[in-house]
Amino acid sequence: MFDFLKKKSKDPVELCFTTDIHCHIVPGVDDGSPDAATSADLIERMQSWGIKRIIASPHVTQTTFENDASTIDPAMEKLHAELQRRGNDIEVSHSAEYRIDELFSRRLEAGDIWYLPNNHLLIENAFLQEPWNLDQLIFDLQVKGIRPILAHPERYVLLAPPRPLQIAPCKRTAVPDQSSQPRRRIRKDREKDSRAPDSQRARRLHRHRPA
């Protein structure tokens, strides 16, 4: 009856999936993990949630994180070395999270792209500005057999459907029309008069007849 008074277990709850395809654990290449030791700690935490396979997704963004094989490969070697030192044999590989920009367009044209399994591709966009050619870009990717996945879609306010305006209904109070009161009184008198016998109606008419 009083289950809510019992102390909750501190054991981590396992996730409903076992493969993570979007995380920033490649050490020192973007705004994610700064070094291999931190990455290994994060991976161990992910394993406690039931994760058994990781496909990391380092940022590839023009000017900010222009990652390629020359930056990703050495970082992955450091990470694998740290995991091996700890005796952790979890499968860790990488794809990338591509910002929709000119760098992405050039890499796509050159075929220099890291894909997820089955030709899936993780893409993202600036949160506050929608690209002018987003629909065409996604169409072109699909024509090429690429399956785009938009990362963290909940952040794109501009892509959300418009919400209907919620207006609280006004509370109305009925105000009686005073001008209608005499009319209702006259109407009632006439109804009474129509139901009265002929002799009573005659007396009323005689009483109200001007002298």
C-alpha atoms as a PDB file:
ATOM      1  CA  MET A   1       0.000   0.000   0.000  1.00  0.00           C
ATOM      2  CA  PHE A   2       2.818   2.364   0.862  1.00  0.00           C
ATOM      3  CA  ASP A   3       5.212   1.360  -1.915  1.00  0.00           C
ATOM      4  CA  PHE A   4       6.051   5.001  -2.578  1.00  0.00           C
ATOM      5  CA  LEU A   5       7.718   5.178   0.862  1.00  0.00           C
ATOM      6  CA  LYS A   6      10.212   2.475  -0.074  1.00  0.00           C
ATOM      7  CA  LYS A   7      13.639   3.537  -1.245  1.00  0.00           C
ATOM      8  CA  LYS A   8      13.965   3.339  -5.015  1.00  0.00           C
ATOM      9  CA  SER A   9      16.674   1.122  -6.432  1.00  0.00           C
ATOM     10  CA  LYS A  10      19.759   2.984  -7.621  1.00  0.00           C
ATOM     11  CA  ASP A  11      20.436   0.370 -10.277  1.00  0.00           C
ATOM     12  CA  PRO A  12      20.401   1.967 -13.761  1.00  0.00           C
ATOM     13  CA  VAL A  13      17.388   1.241 -15.911  1.00  0.00           C
ATOM     14  CA  GLU A  14      18.213  -0.524 -19.160  1.00  0.00           C
ATOM     15  CA  LEU A  15      17.262   1.198 -22.397  1.00  0.00           C
ATOM     16  CA  CYS A  16      14.953  -0.349 -24.978  1.00  0.00           C
ATOM     17  CA  PHE A  17      17.788  -0.595 -27.542  1.00  0.00           C
ATOM     18  CA  THR A  18      21.327  -1.969 -27.470  1.00  0.00           C
ATOM     19  CA  THR A  19      23.056   0.032 -30.224  1.00  0.00           C
ATOM     20  CA  ASP A  20      23.790   3.749 -29.848  1.00  0.00           C
ATOM     21  CA  ILE A  21      24.263   5.619 -33.134  1.00  0.00           C
ATOM     22  CA  HIS A  22      24.491   9.209 -31.862  1.00  0.00           C
ATOM     23  CA  CYS A  23      27.065  10.081 -29.239  1.00  0.00           C
ATOM     24  CA  HIS A  24      30.203  12.200 -29.035  1.00  0.00           C
ATOM     25  CA  ILE A  25      32.745   9.887 -27.430  1.00  0.00           C
ATOM     26  CA  VAL A  26      35.556  10.144 -29.983  1.00  0.00           C
ATOM     27  CA  PRO A  27      38.081  11.928 -27.782  1.00  0.00           C
ATOM     28  CA  GLY A  28      39.217  15.465 -28.488  1.00  0.00           C
ATOM     29  CA  VAL A  29      37.650  16.005 -31.929  1.00  0.00           C
ATOM     30  CA  ASP A  30      34.542  18.075 -31.150  1.00  0.00           C
ATOM     31  CA  ASP A  31      32.563  19.437 -28.194  1.00  0.00           C
ATOM     32  CA  GLY A  32      32.162  15.947 -26.726  1.00  0.00           C
ATOM     33  CA  SER A  33      34.617  13.913 -24.688  1.00  0.00           C
ATOM     34  CA  PRO A  34      37.985  15.677 -24.229  1.00  0.00           C
ATOM     35  CA  ASP A  35      40.180  12.568 -23.831  1.00  0.00           C
ATOM     36  CA  ALA A  36      40.250   8.770 -24.084  1.00  0.00           C
ATOM     37  CA  ALA A  37      39.860   8.173 -20.344  1.00  0.00           C
ATOM     38  CA  THR A  38      36.658  10.242 -20.232  1.00  0.00           C
ATOM     39  CA  SER A  39      35.362   8.441 -23.312  1.00  0.00           C
ATOM     40  CA  ALA A  40      35.976   5.062 -21.686  1.00  0.00           C
ATOM     41  CA  ASP A  41      34.160   6.209 -18.538  1.00  0.00           C
ATOM     42  CA  LEU A  42      31.182   7.314 -20.624  1.00  0.00           C
ATOM     43  CA  ILE A  43      31.139   4.020 -22.490  1.00  0.00           C
ATOM     44  CA  GLU A  44      31.094   2.073 -19.217  1.00  0.00           C
ATOM     45  CA  ARG A  45      28.124   4.154 -18.087  1.00  0.00           C
ATOM     46  CA  MET A  46      26.369   3.446 -21.378  1.00  0.00           C
ATOM     47  CA  GLN A  47      27.013  -0.274 -20.916  1.00  0.00           C
ATOM     48  CA  SER A  48      25.262  -0.115 -17.550  1.00  0.00           C
ATOM     49  CA  TRP A  49      22.172   1.050 -19.460  1.00  0.00           C
ATOM     50  CA  GLY A  50      22.281  -2.039 -21.687  1.00  0.00           C
ATOM     51  CA  ILE A  51      24.266  -0.613 -24.623  1.00  0.00           C
ATOM     52  CA  LYS A  52      26.326  -3.334 -26.325  1.00  0.00           C
ATOM     53  CA  ARG A  53      27.395  -1.588 -29.527  1.00  0.00           C
ATOM     54  CA  ILE A  54      28.360   2.020 -30.218  1.00  0.00           C
ATOM     55  CA  ILE A  55      28.621   3.901 -33.507  1.00  0.00           C
ATOM     56  CA  ALA A  56      30.020   7.282 -32.504  1.00  0.00           C
ATOM     57  CA  SER A  57      28.971  10.399 -34.382  1.00  0.00           C
ATOM     58  CA  PRO A  58      31.624  13.132 -34.196  1.00  0.00           C
ATOM     59  CA  HIS A  59      30.622  16.507 -35.594  1.00  0.00           C
ATOM     60  CA  VAL A  60      31.631  17.420 -39.121  1.00  0.00           C
ATOM     61  CA  THR A  61      30.961  21.143 -39.397  1.00  0.00           C
ATOM     62  CA  GLN A  62      32.524  23.783 -41.593  1.00  0.00           C
ATOM     63  CA  THR A  63      35.042  26.007 -39.777  1.00  0.00           C
ATOM     64  CA  THR A  64      34.258  24.583 -36.327  1.00  0.00           C
ATOM     65  CA  PHE A  65      34.886  20.823 -36.606  1.00  0.00           C
ATOM     66  CA  GLU A  66      36.166  19.962 -40.069  1.00  0.00           C
ATOM     67  CA  ASN A  67      36.905  16.396 -39.074  1.00  0.00           C
ATOM     68  CA  ASP A  68      38.188  13.828 -41.551  1.00  0.00           C
ATOM     69  CA  ALA A  69      40.268  10.654 -41.423  1.00  0.00           C
ATOM     70  CA  SER A  70      43.344  12.606 -40.331  1.00  0.00           C
ATOM     71  CA  THR A  71      41.633  13.651 -37.063  1.00  0.00           C
ATOM     72  CA  ILE A  72      39.207  10.798 -36.417  1.00  0.00           C
ATOM     73  CA  ASP A  73      41.475   7.783 -36.984  1.00  0.00           C
ATOM     74  CA  PRO A  74      44.164   8.716 -34.407  1.00  0.00           C
ATOM     75  CA  ALA A  75      41.456   9.578 -31.835  1.00  0.00           C
ATOM     76  CA  MET A  76      39.757   6.224 -32.371  1.00  0.00           C
ATOM     77  CA  GLU A  77      43.088   4.441 -31.910  1.00  0.00           C
ATOM     78  CA  LYS A  78      43.538   6.150 -28.542  1.00  0.00           C
ATOM     79  CA  LEU A  79      40.029   5.184 -27.494  1.00  0.00           C
ATOM     80  CA  HIS A  80      40.459   1.542 -28.494  1.00  0.00           C
ATOM     81  CA  ALA A  81      43.767   1.428 -26.638  1.00  0.00           C
ATOM     82  CA  GLU A  82      42.140   2.750 -23.467  1.00  0.00           C
ATOM     83  CA  LEU A  83      39.285   0.256 -23.715  1.00  0.00           C
ATOM     84  CA  GLN A  84      41.737  -2.575 -24.265  1.00  0.00           C
ATOM     85  CA  ARG A  85      43.743  -1.478 -21.237  1.00  0.00           C
ATOM     86  CA  ARG A  86      40.549  -1.735 -19.156  1.00  0.00           C
ATOM     87  CA  GLY A  87      39.654  -5.117 -20.601  1.00  0.00           C
ATOM     88  CA  ASN A  88      36.512  -3.738 -22.217  1.00  0.00           C
ATOM     89  CA  ASP A  89      35.728  -5.479 -25.505  1.00  0.00           C
ATOM     90  CA  ILE A  90      32.593  -3.521 -26.489  1.00  0.00           C
ATOM     91  CA  GLU A  91      32.278  -2.879 -30.226  1.00  0.00           C
ATOM     92  CA  VAL A  92      32.980   0.810 -30.937  1.00  0.00           C
ATOM     93  CA  SER A  93      33.103   2.282 -34.444  1.00  0.00           C
ATOM     94  CA  HIS A  94      32.157   5.659 -35.860  1.00  0.00           C
ATOM     95  CA  SER A  95      30.105   7.454 -38.472  1.00  0.00           C
ATOM     96  CA  ALA A  96      29.582  11.229 -38.226  1.00  0.00           C
ATOM     97  CA  GLU A  97      26.979  13.907 -37.601  1.00  0.00           C
ATOM     98  CA  TYR A  98      27.047  16.202 -40.629  1.00  0.00           C
ATOM     99  CA  ARG A  99      25.988  19.819 -40.465  1.00  0.00           C
ATOM    100  CA  ILE A 100      24.124  20.875 -43.611  1.00  0.00           C
ATOM    101  CA  ASP A 101      26.620  23.400 -45.001  1.00  0.00           C
ATOM    102  CA  GLU A 102      29.049  23.895 -47.890  1.00  0.00           C
ATOM    103  CA  LEU A 103      31.570  21.453 -46.409  1.00  0.00           C
ATOM    104  CA  PHE A 104      28.926  18.733 -46.352  1.00  0.00           C
ATOM    105  CA  SER A 105      27.999  19.467 -49.973  1.00  0.00           C
ATOM    106  CA  ARG A 106      31.625  19.150 -51.069  1.00  0.00           C
ATOM    107  CA  ARG A 107      32.191  15.941 -49.119  1.00  0.00           C
ATOM    108  CA  LEU A 108      28.966  14.469 -50.486  1.00  0.00           C
ATOM    109  CA  GLU A 109      29.967  15.317 -54.044  1.00  0.00           C
ATOM    110  CA  ALA A 110      33.389  13.750 -53.505  1.00  0.00           C
ATOM    111  CA  GLY A 111      31.937  10.633 -51.896  1.00  0.00           C
ATOM    112  CA  ASP A 112      33.893  11.331 -48.702  1.00  0.00           C
ATOM    113  CA  ILE A 113      31.128  10.409 -46.285  1.00  0.00           C
ATOM    114  CA  TRP A 114      30.924   8.089 -43.274  1.00  0.00           C
ATOM    115  CA  TYR A 115      27.596   6.273 -43.397  1.00  0.00           C
ATOM    116  CA  LEU A 116      25.656   4.402 -40.783  1.00  0.00           C
ATOM    117  CA  PRO A 117      24.576   0.823 -41.632  1.00  0.00           C
ATOM    118  CA  ASN A 118      22.234   0.431 -44.611  1.00  0.00           C
ATOM    119  CA  ASN A 119      23.233   3.804 -46.087  1.00  0.00           C
ATOM    120  CA  HIS A 120      21.693   5.834 -43.278  1.00  0.00           C
ATOM    121  CA  LEU A 121      23.218   9.276 -42.799  1.00  0.00           C
ATOM    122  CA  LEU A 122      22.993  11.448 -39.684  1.00  0.00           C
ATOM    123  CA  ILE A 123      22.503  15.131 -40.544  1.00  0.00           C
ATOM    124  CA  GLU A 124      21.766  18.256 -38.554  1.00  0.00           C
ATOM    125  CA  ASN A 125      21.020  21.900 -39.159  1.00  0.00           C
ATOM    126  CA  ALA A 126      21.234  25.172 -37.267  1.00  0.00           C
ATOM    127  CA  PHE A 127      18.437  25.294 -34.701  1.00  0.00           C
ATOM    128  CA  LEU A 128      17.246  28.831 -35.417  1.00  0.00           C
ATOM    129  CA  GLN A 129      17.524  29.017 -39.200  1.00  0.00           C
ATOM    130  CA  GLU A 130      16.036  26.597 -41.695  1.00  0.00           C
ATOM    131  CA  PRO A 131      18.152  25.978 -44.832  1.00  0.00           C
ATOM    132  CA  TRP A 132      16.477  27.299 -47.926  1.00  0.00           C
ATOM    133  CA  ASN A 133      16.904  23.990 -49.792  1.00  0.00           C
ATOM    134  CA  LEU A 134      16.220  21.429 -47.056  1.00  0.00           C
ATOM    135  CA  ASP A 135      13.386  19.677 -48.923  1.00  0.00           C
ATOM    136  CA  GLN A 136      15.420  19.476 -52.131  1.00  0.00           C
ATOM    137  CA  LEU A 137      18.503  18.237 -50.273  1.00  0.00           C
ATOM    138  CA  ILE A 138      16.614  15.414 -48.590  1.00  0.00           C
ATOM    139  CA  PHE A 139      15.012  14.495 -51.920  1.00  0.00           C
ATOM    140  CA  ASP A 140      18.413  14.408 -53.651  1.00  0.00           C
ATOM    141  CA  LEU A 141      19.848  12.206 -50.902  1.00  0.00           C
ATOM    142  CA  GLN A 142      16.971   9.761 -51.217  1.00  0.00           C
ATOM    143  CA  VAL A 143      17.355   9.634 -55.007  1.00  0.00           C
ATOM    144  CA  LYS A 144      20.968   8.541 -54.438  1.00  0.00           C
ATOM    145  CA  GLY A 145      19.798   5.744 -52.171  1.00  0.00           C
ATOM    146  CA  ILE A 146      20.842   7.556 -48.980  1.00  0.00           C
ATOM    147  CA  ARG A 147      18.541   7.421 -45.964  1.00  0.00           C
ATOM    148  CA  PRO A 148      18.910  10.697 -44.025  1.00  0.00           C
ATOM    149  CA  ILE A 149      18.240  10.851 -40.296  1.00  0.00           C
ATOM    150  CA  LEU A 150      17.660  14.300 -38.809  1.00  0.00           C
ATOM    151  CA  ALA A 151      19.484  14.442 -35.484  1.00  0.00           C
ATOM    152  CA  HIS A 152      17.621  15.705 -32.383  1.00  0.00           C
ATOM    153  CA  PRO A 153      14.494  16.889 -34.271  1.00  0.00           C
ATOM    154  CA  GLU A 154      12.921  18.174 -31.039  1.00  0.00           C
ATOM    155  CA  ARG A 155      15.275  21.172 -31.161  1.00  0.00           C
ATOM    156  CA  TYR A 156      14.033  22.508 -34.500  1.00  0.00           C
ATOM    157  CA  VAL A 157      11.295  24.923 -33.505  1.00  0.00           C
ATOM    158  CA  LEU A 158      10.920  26.169 -37.088  1.00  0.00           C
ATOM    159  CA  LEU A 159       9.978  22.688 -38.297  1.00  0.00           C
ATOM    160  CA  ALA A 160       7.308  22.155 -35.652  1.00  0.00           C
ATOM    161  CA  PRO A 161       3.662  22.424 -36.785  1.00  0.00           C
ATOM    162  CA  PRO A 162       1.971  25.651 -35.728  1.00  0.00           C
ATOM    163  CA  ARG A 163       0.019  25.388 -32.535  1.00  0.00           C
ATOM    164  CA  PRO A 164      -3.562  26.656 -32.513  1.00  0.00           C
ATOM    165  CA  LEU A 165      -4.041  29.834 -30.538  1.00  0.00           C
ATOM    166  CA  GLN A 166      -5.608  29.013 -27.193  1.00  0.00           C
ATOM    167  CA  ILE A 167      -8.016  31.732 -26.017  1.00  0.00           C
ATOM    168  CA  ALA A 168      -9.928  31.347 -22.794  1.00  0.00           C
ATOM    169  CA  PRO A 169     -13.676  31.817 -23.380  1.00  0.00           C
ATOM    170  CA  CYS A 170     -15.182  34.986 -21.963  1.00  0.00           C
ATOM    171  CA  LYS A 171     -17.508  34.546 -19.022  1.00  0.00           C
ATOM    172  CA  ARG A 172     -20.801  36.145 -19.950  1.00  0.00           C
ATOM    173  CA  THR A 173     -23.411  37.394 -17.496  1.00  0.00           C
ATOM    174  CA  ALA A 174     -27.019  37.742 -18.668  1.00  0.00           C
ATOM    175  CA  VAL A 175     -28.458  41.206 -18.067  1.00  0.00           C
ATOM    176  CA  PRO A 176     -32.273  41.410 -18.225  1.00  0.00           C
ATOM    177  CA  ASP A 177     -33.736  43.861 -20.696  1.00  0.00           C
ATOM    178  CA  GLN A 178     -35.781  46.218 -18.538  1.00  0.00           C
ATOM    179  CA  SER A 179     -37.610  47.633 -21.547  1.00  0.00           C
ATOM    180  CA  SER A 180     -39.192  44.240 -22.174  1.00  0.00           C
ATOM    181  CA  GLN A 181     -40.859  44.032 -18.742  1.00  0.00           C
ATOM    182  CA  PRO A 182     -43.987  46.174 -19.521  1.00  0.00           C
ATOM    183  CA  ARG A 183     -44.515  44.270 -22.761  1.00  0.00           C
ATOM    184  CA  ARG A 184     -44.491  40.936 -20.969  1.00  0.00           C
ATOM    185  CA  ARG A 185     -46.984  42.334 -18.427  1.00  0.00           C
ATOM    186  CA  ILE A 186     -49.317  43.527 -21.194  1.00  0.00           C
ATOM    187  CA  ARG A 187     -48.983  40.166 -22.948  1.00  0.00           C
ATOM    188  CA  LYS A 188     -49.944  38.316 -19.756  1.00  0.00           C
ATOM    189  CA  ASP A 189     -52.965  40.595 -19.272  1.00  0.00           C
ATOM    190  CA  ARG A 190     -54.112  39.854 -22.792  1.00  0.00           C
ATOM    191  CA  GLU A 191     -53.692  36.118 -22.262  1.00  0.00           C
ATOM    192  CA  LYS A 192     -55.777  36.304 -19.096  1.00  0.00           C
ATOM    193  CA  ASP A 193     -58.392  38.395 -20.900  1.00  0.00           C
ATOM    194  CA  SER A 194     -58.630  35.873 -23.745  1.00  0.00           C
ATOM    195  CA  ARG A 195     -59.347  33.092 -21.259  1.00  0.00           C
ATOM    196  CA  ALA A 196     -61.989  35.082 -19.300  1.00  0.00           C
ATOM    197  CA  PRO A 197     -65.725  34.650 -20.000  1.00  0.00           C
ATOM    198  CA  ASP A 198     -67.478  37.198 -22.262  1.00  0.00           C
ATOM    199  CA  SER A 199     -69.235  38.915 -19.336  1.00  0.00           C
ATOM    200  CA  GLN A 200     -65.902  39.579 -17.543  1.00  0.00           C
ATOM    201  CA  ARG A 201     -64.326  40.952 -20.716  1.00  0.00           C
ATOM    202  CA  ALA A 202     -67.266  43.253 -21.213  1.00  0.00           C
ATOM    203  CA  ARG A 203     -66.962  44.639 -17.666  1.00  0.00           C
ATOM    204  CA  ARG A 204     -63.220  45.281 -18.164  1.00  0.00           C
ATOM    205  CA  LEU A 205     -63.802  47.120 -21.403  1.00  0.00           C
ATOM    206  CA  HIS A 206     -66.505  49.208 -19.755  1.00  0.00           C
ATOM    207  CA  ARG A 207     -64.221  50.006 -16.822  1.00  0.00           C
ATOM    208  CA  HIS A 208     -61.397  51.227 -19.095  1.00  0.00           C
ATOM    209  CA  ARG A 209     -63.715  53.133 -21.519  1.00  0.00           C
ATOM    210  CA  PRO A 210     -63.074  56.899 -21.339  1.00  0.00           C
ATOM    211  CA  ALA A 211     -65.905  58.990 -19.928  1.00  0.00           C
END
